[in-house]
Amino acid sequence: MSVSAKPLKKKKNITSLVEMKTKLAKIQTMKKKKKETLATLSEQVESMIVRNKVDKDQEVDHVDVVAEEFNREIEGNEPIGAKAKS
């Protein structure tokens, strides 16, 4: 009885080992895909941060230009009372 039980037990162990290796390979594949996805998402976030910073800088530059033009316009205008006195 013990002679026939050993090959069956050994076969189960081998099958179990193969199943474990298959599961491990699947897990490793999933982990690799998750890392790749995380890296891609990180790159996208970084790109968006850079684009937002550029947009904000451009908005500030635009506001500075508008403010400068407004200041020139104000400086070029005569005071309201000056026209009435002339």
N, C-alpha and C. Protein backbone atom coordinates (compact mmCIF):
# COMPACT_ATOMS: atom_id res chain seq x y z
N MET A 1 0.81 -1.18 0.00
CA MET A 1 0.00 0.00 0.00
C MET A 1 0.87 1.26 0.00
N SER A 2 1.90 1.29 0.74
CA SER A 2 2.75 2.46 0.79
C SER A 2 3.53 2.65 -0.51
N VAL A 3 3.80 1.58 -1.24
CA VAL A 3 4.52 1.67 -2.51
C VAL A 3 3.65 2.37 -3.55
N SER A 4 2.38 2.03 -3.63
CA SER A 4 1.49 2.65 -4.61
C SER A 4 1.08 4.06 -4.18
N ALA A 5 1.09 4.34 -2.91
CA ALA A 5 0.70 5.65 -2.41
C ALA A 5 1.78 6.69 -2.69
N LYS A 6 3.04 6.29 -2.69
CA LYS A 6 4.14 7.24 -2.93
C LYS A 6 4.09 7.85 -4.33
N PRO A 7 3.92 7.05 -5.38
CA PRO A 7 3.86 7.67 -6.72
C PRO A 7 2.67 8.62 -6.86
N LEU A 8 1.54 8.28 -6.26
CA LEU A 8 0.37 9.14 -6.33
C LEU A 8 0.63 10.46 -5.59
N LYS A 9 1.25 10.36 -4.42
CA LYS A 9 1.56 11.55 -3.64
C LYS A 9 2.59 12.41 -4.37
N LYS A 10 3.58 11.76 -4.98
CA LYS A 10 4.61 12.48 -5.72
C LYS A 10 3.99 13.19 -6.93
N LYS A 11 3.05 12.51 -7.59
CA LYS A 11 2.38 13.10 -8.75
C LYS A 11 1.57 14.32 -8.31
N LYS A 12 0.89 14.23 -7.17
CA LYS A 12 0.12 15.36 -6.65
C LYS A 12 1.04 16.53 -6.31
N ASN A 13 2.19 16.21 -5.72
CA ASN A 13 3.15 17.25 -5.37
C ASN A 13 3.67 17.95 -6.63
N ILE A 14 3.94 17.18 -7.66
CA ILE A 14 4.42 17.75 -8.92
C ILE A 14 3.34 18.63 -9.54
N THR A 15 2.11 18.13 -9.55
CA THR A 15 0.99 18.91 -10.09
C THR A 15 0.81 20.18 -9.29
N SER A 16 0.89 20.06 -7.98
CA SER A 16 0.74 21.23 -7.11
C SER A 16 1.86 22.23 -7.38
N LEU A 17 3.07 21.74 -7.57
CA LEU A 17 4.22 22.60 -7.85
C LEU A 17 4.04 23.33 -9.18
N VAL A 18 3.56 22.62 -10.19
CA VAL A 18 3.31 23.23 -11.50
C VAL A 18 2.24 24.31 -11.39
N GLU A 19 1.18 24.00 -10.64
CA GLU A 19 0.11 24.98 -10.44
C GLU A 19 0.63 26.22 -9.72
N MET A 20 1.47 26.00 -8.73
CA MET A 20 2.04 27.12 -7.97
C MET A 20 2.92 27.98 -8.87
N LYS A 21 3.72 27.33 -9.71
CA LYS A 21 4.59 28.08 -10.63
C LYS A 21 3.75 28.88 -11.62
N THR A 22 2.66 28.28 -12.09
CA THR A 22 1.77 28.98 -13.02
C THR A 22 1.14 30.19 -12.35
N LYS A 23 0.68 30.01 -11.12
CA LYS A 23 0.09 31.13 -10.38
C LYS A 23 1.11 32.23 -10.14
N LEU A 24 2.33 31.83 -9.78
CA LEU A 24 3.40 32.79 -9.55
C LEU A 24 3.70 33.58 -10.82
N ALA A 25 3.75 32.89 -11.95
CA ALA A 25 4.00 33.56 -13.22
C ALA A 25 2.89 34.57 -13.53
N LYS A 26 1.64 34.19 -13.27
CA LYS A 26 0.52 35.11 -13.50
C LYS A 26 0.63 36.33 -12.60
N ILE A 27 0.96 36.10 -11.34
CA ILE A 27 1.10 37.21 -10.39
C ILE A 27 2.22 38.14 -10.82
N GLN A 28 3.36 37.56 -11.23
CA GLN A 28 4.48 38.38 -11.67
C GLN A 28 4.12 39.18 -12.91
N THR A 29 3.36 38.57 -13.81
CA THR A 29 2.93 39.27 -15.02
C THR A 29 2.02 40.43 -14.66
N MET A 30 1.08 40.19 -13.75
CA MET A 30 0.17 41.26 -13.32
C MET A 30 0.94 42.39 -12.64
N LYS A 31 1.92 42.04 -11.80
CA LYS A 31 2.71 43.06 -11.12
C LYS A 31 3.50 43.90 -12.13
N LYS A 32 4.04 43.23 -13.14
CA LYS A 32 4.80 43.94 -14.17
C LYS A 32 3.89 44.90 -14.94
N LYS A 33 2.69 44.44 -15.28
CA LYS A 33 1.74 45.30 -15.99
C LYS A 33 1.34 46.49 -15.12
N LYS A 34 1.14 46.24 -13.83
CA LYS A 34 0.78 47.33 -12.92
C LYS A 34 1.91 48.36 -12.82
N LYS A 35 3.15 47.88 -12.76
CA LYS A 35 4.29 48.80 -12.71
C LYS A 35 4.36 49.64 -13.98
N GLU A 36 4.14 48.99 -15.13
CA GLU A 36 4.17 49.71 -16.40
C GLU A 36 3.05 50.75 -16.45
N THR A 37 1.87 50.36 -15.98
CA THR A 37 0.74 51.29 -15.96
C THR A 37 1.03 52.46 -15.03
N LEU A 38 1.59 52.16 -13.88
CA LEU A 38 1.94 53.21 -12.92
C LEU A 38 2.96 54.16 -13.52
N ALA A 39 3.96 53.62 -14.20
CA ALA A 39 4.97 54.47 -14.83
C ALA A 39 4.34 55.36 -15.89
N THR A 40 3.45 54.80 -16.69
CA THR A 40 2.77 55.58 -17.73
C THR A 40 1.93 56.68 -17.11
N LEU A 41 1.18 56.34 -16.07
CA LEU A 41 0.35 57.35 -15.40
C LEU A 41 1.20 58.43 -14.75
N SER A 42 2.32 58.05 -14.18
CA SER A 42 3.22 59.03 -13.57
C SER A 42 3.75 60.01 -14.62
N GLU A 43 4.10 59.48 -15.79
CA GLU A 43 4.57 60.34 -16.88
C GLU A 43 3.46 61.30 -17.32
N GLN A 44 2.24 60.79 -17.41
CA GLN A 44 1.12 61.63 -17.82
C GLN A 44 0.86 62.74 -16.80
N VAL A 45 0.93 62.40 -15.52
CA VAL A 45 0.72 63.40 -14.46
C VAL A 45 1.81 64.46 -14.53
N GLU A 46 3.05 64.03 -14.68
CA GLU A 46 4.17 64.97 -14.77
C GLU A 46 4.00 65.89 -15.97
N SER A 47 3.58 65.33 -17.08
CA SER A 47 3.35 66.12 -18.29
C SER A 47 2.25 67.16 -18.06
N MET A 48 1.17 66.74 -17.39
CA MET A 48 0.08 67.67 -17.10
C MET A 48 0.53 68.78 -16.16
N ILE A 49 1.35 68.44 -15.18
CA ILE A 49 1.87 69.44 -14.25
C ILE A 49 2.68 70.49 -15.01
N VAL A 50 3.53 70.02 -15.91
CA VAL A 50 4.36 70.93 -16.69
C VAL A 50 3.48 71.81 -17.57
N ARG A 51 2.48 71.19 -18.24
CA ARG A 51 1.59 71.98 -19.11
C ARG A 51 0.81 73.02 -18.31
N ASN A 52 0.34 72.65 -17.13
CA ASN A 52 -0.40 73.60 -16.29
C ASN A 52 0.49 74.76 -15.85
N LYS A 53 1.74 74.44 -15.52
CA LYS A 53 2.68 75.50 -15.12
C LYS A 53 2.93 76.45 -16.28
N VAL A 54 3.11 75.90 -17.47
CA VAL A 54 3.32 76.73 -18.65
C VAL A 54 2.09 77.61 -18.89
N ASP A 55 0.90 77.01 -18.79
CA ASP A 55 -0.34 77.78 -18.98
C ASP A 55 -0.44 78.92 -17.97
N LYS A 56 -0.13 78.63 -16.71
CA LYS A 56 -0.20 79.67 -15.67
C LYS A 56 0.81 80.78 -15.95
N ASP A 57 2.03 80.38 -16.36
CA ASP A 57 3.05 81.38 -16.68
C ASP A 57 2.60 82.25 -17.85
N GLN A 58 1.98 81.64 -18.84
CA GLN A 58 1.49 82.41 -19.98
C GLN A 58 0.37 83.35 -19.56
N GLU A 59 -0.51 82.89 -18.67
CA GLU A 59 -1.58 83.75 -18.17
C GLU A 59 -1.00 84.95 -17.42
N VAL A 60 -0.01 84.69 -16.59
CA VAL A 60 0.63 85.77 -15.83
C VAL A 60 1.29 86.75 -16.80
N ASP A 61 2.00 86.22 -17.80
CA ASP A 61 2.63 87.09 -18.80
C ASP A 61 1.58 87.93 -19.51
N HIS A 62 0.46 87.33 -19.86
CA HIS A 62 -0.61 88.06 -20.54
C HIS A 62 -1.17 89.17 -19.65
N VAL A 63 -1.38 88.85 -18.38
CA VAL A 63 -1.88 89.86 -17.44
C VAL A 63 -0.86 90.99 -17.30
N ASP A 64 0.43 90.65 -17.25
CA ASP A 64 1.46 91.68 -17.16
C ASP A 64 1.43 92.60 -18.37
N VAL A 65 1.26 92.02 -19.55
CA VAL A 65 1.20 92.82 -20.78
C VAL A 65 -0.02 93.73 -20.77
N VAL A 66 -1.16 93.18 -20.40
CA VAL A 66 -2.39 93.99 -20.34
C VAL A 66 -2.23 95.11 -19.32
N ALA A 67 -1.66 94.80 -18.18
CA ALA A 67 -1.46 95.83 -17.14
C ALA A 67 -0.52 96.92 -17.64
N GLU A 68 0.54 96.54 -18.33
CA GLU A 68 1.49 97.52 -18.87
C GLU A 68 0.81 98.42 -19.91
N GLU A 69 0.02 97.80 -20.79
CA GLU A 69 -0.71 98.58 -21.79
C GLU A 69 -1.70 99.53 -21.11
N PHE A 70 -2.36 99.05 -20.08
CA PHE A 70 -3.32 99.88 -19.35
C PHE A 70 -2.60 101.05 -18.69
N ASN A 71 -1.45 100.79 -18.09
CA ASN A 71 -0.67 101.86 -17.45
C ASN A 71 -0.26 102.91 -18.47
N ARG A 72 0.19 102.48 -19.65
CA ARG A 72 0.57 103.43 -20.70
C ARG A 72 -0.63 104.27 -21.13
N GLU A 73 -1.77 103.61 -21.25
CA GLU A 73 -2.98 104.32 -21.65
C GLU A 73 -3.36 105.36 -20.60
N ILE A 74 -3.26 104.99 -19.34
CA ILE A 74 -3.59 105.92 -18.25
C ILE A 74 -2.62 107.09 -18.24
N GLU A 75 -1.33 106.80 -18.41
CA GLU A 75 -0.32 107.86 -18.41
C GLU A 75 -0.51 108.81 -19.60
N GLY A 76 -0.99 108.28 -20.71
CA GLY A 76 -1.19 109.10 -21.91
C GLY A 76 -2.43 109.97 -21.84
N ASN A 77 -3.36 109.63 -21.01
CA ASN A 77 -4.59 110.42 -20.88
C ASN A 77 -4.35 111.64 -20.00
N GLU A 78 -5.03 112.69 -20.35
CA GLU A 78 -4.97 113.90 -19.51
C GLU A 78 -5.91 113.71 -18.33
N PRO A 79 -5.63 114.34 -17.24
CA PRO A 79 -6.56 114.28 -16.12
C PRO A 79 -7.92 114.83 -16.54
N ILE A 80 -8.97 114.38 -15.93
CA ILE A 80 -10.33 114.77 -16.30
C ILE A 80 -10.51 116.28 -16.16
N GLY A 81 -10.01 116.86 -15.13
CA GLY A 81 -10.15 118.30 -14.90
C GLY A 81 -9.34 119.13 -15.88
N ALA A 82 -8.29 118.59 -16.46
CA ALA A 82 -7.42 119.35 -17.36
C ALA A 82 -8.16 119.73 -18.64
N LYS A 83 -9.02 118.88 -19.16
CA LYS A 83 -9.77 119.18 -20.37
C LYS A 83 -10.78 120.30 -20.11
N ALA A 84 -11.37 120.31 -18.97
CA ALA A 84 -12.38 121.32 -18.65
C ALA A 84 -11.74 122.71 -18.51
N LYS A 85 -10.53 122.79 -18.02
CA LYS A 85 -9.84 124.07 -17.82
C LYS A 85 -9.38 124.65 -19.14
N SER A 86 -9.09 123.81 -20.14
CA SER A 86 -8.56 124.31 -21.41
C SER A 86 -9.55 125.03 -22.20
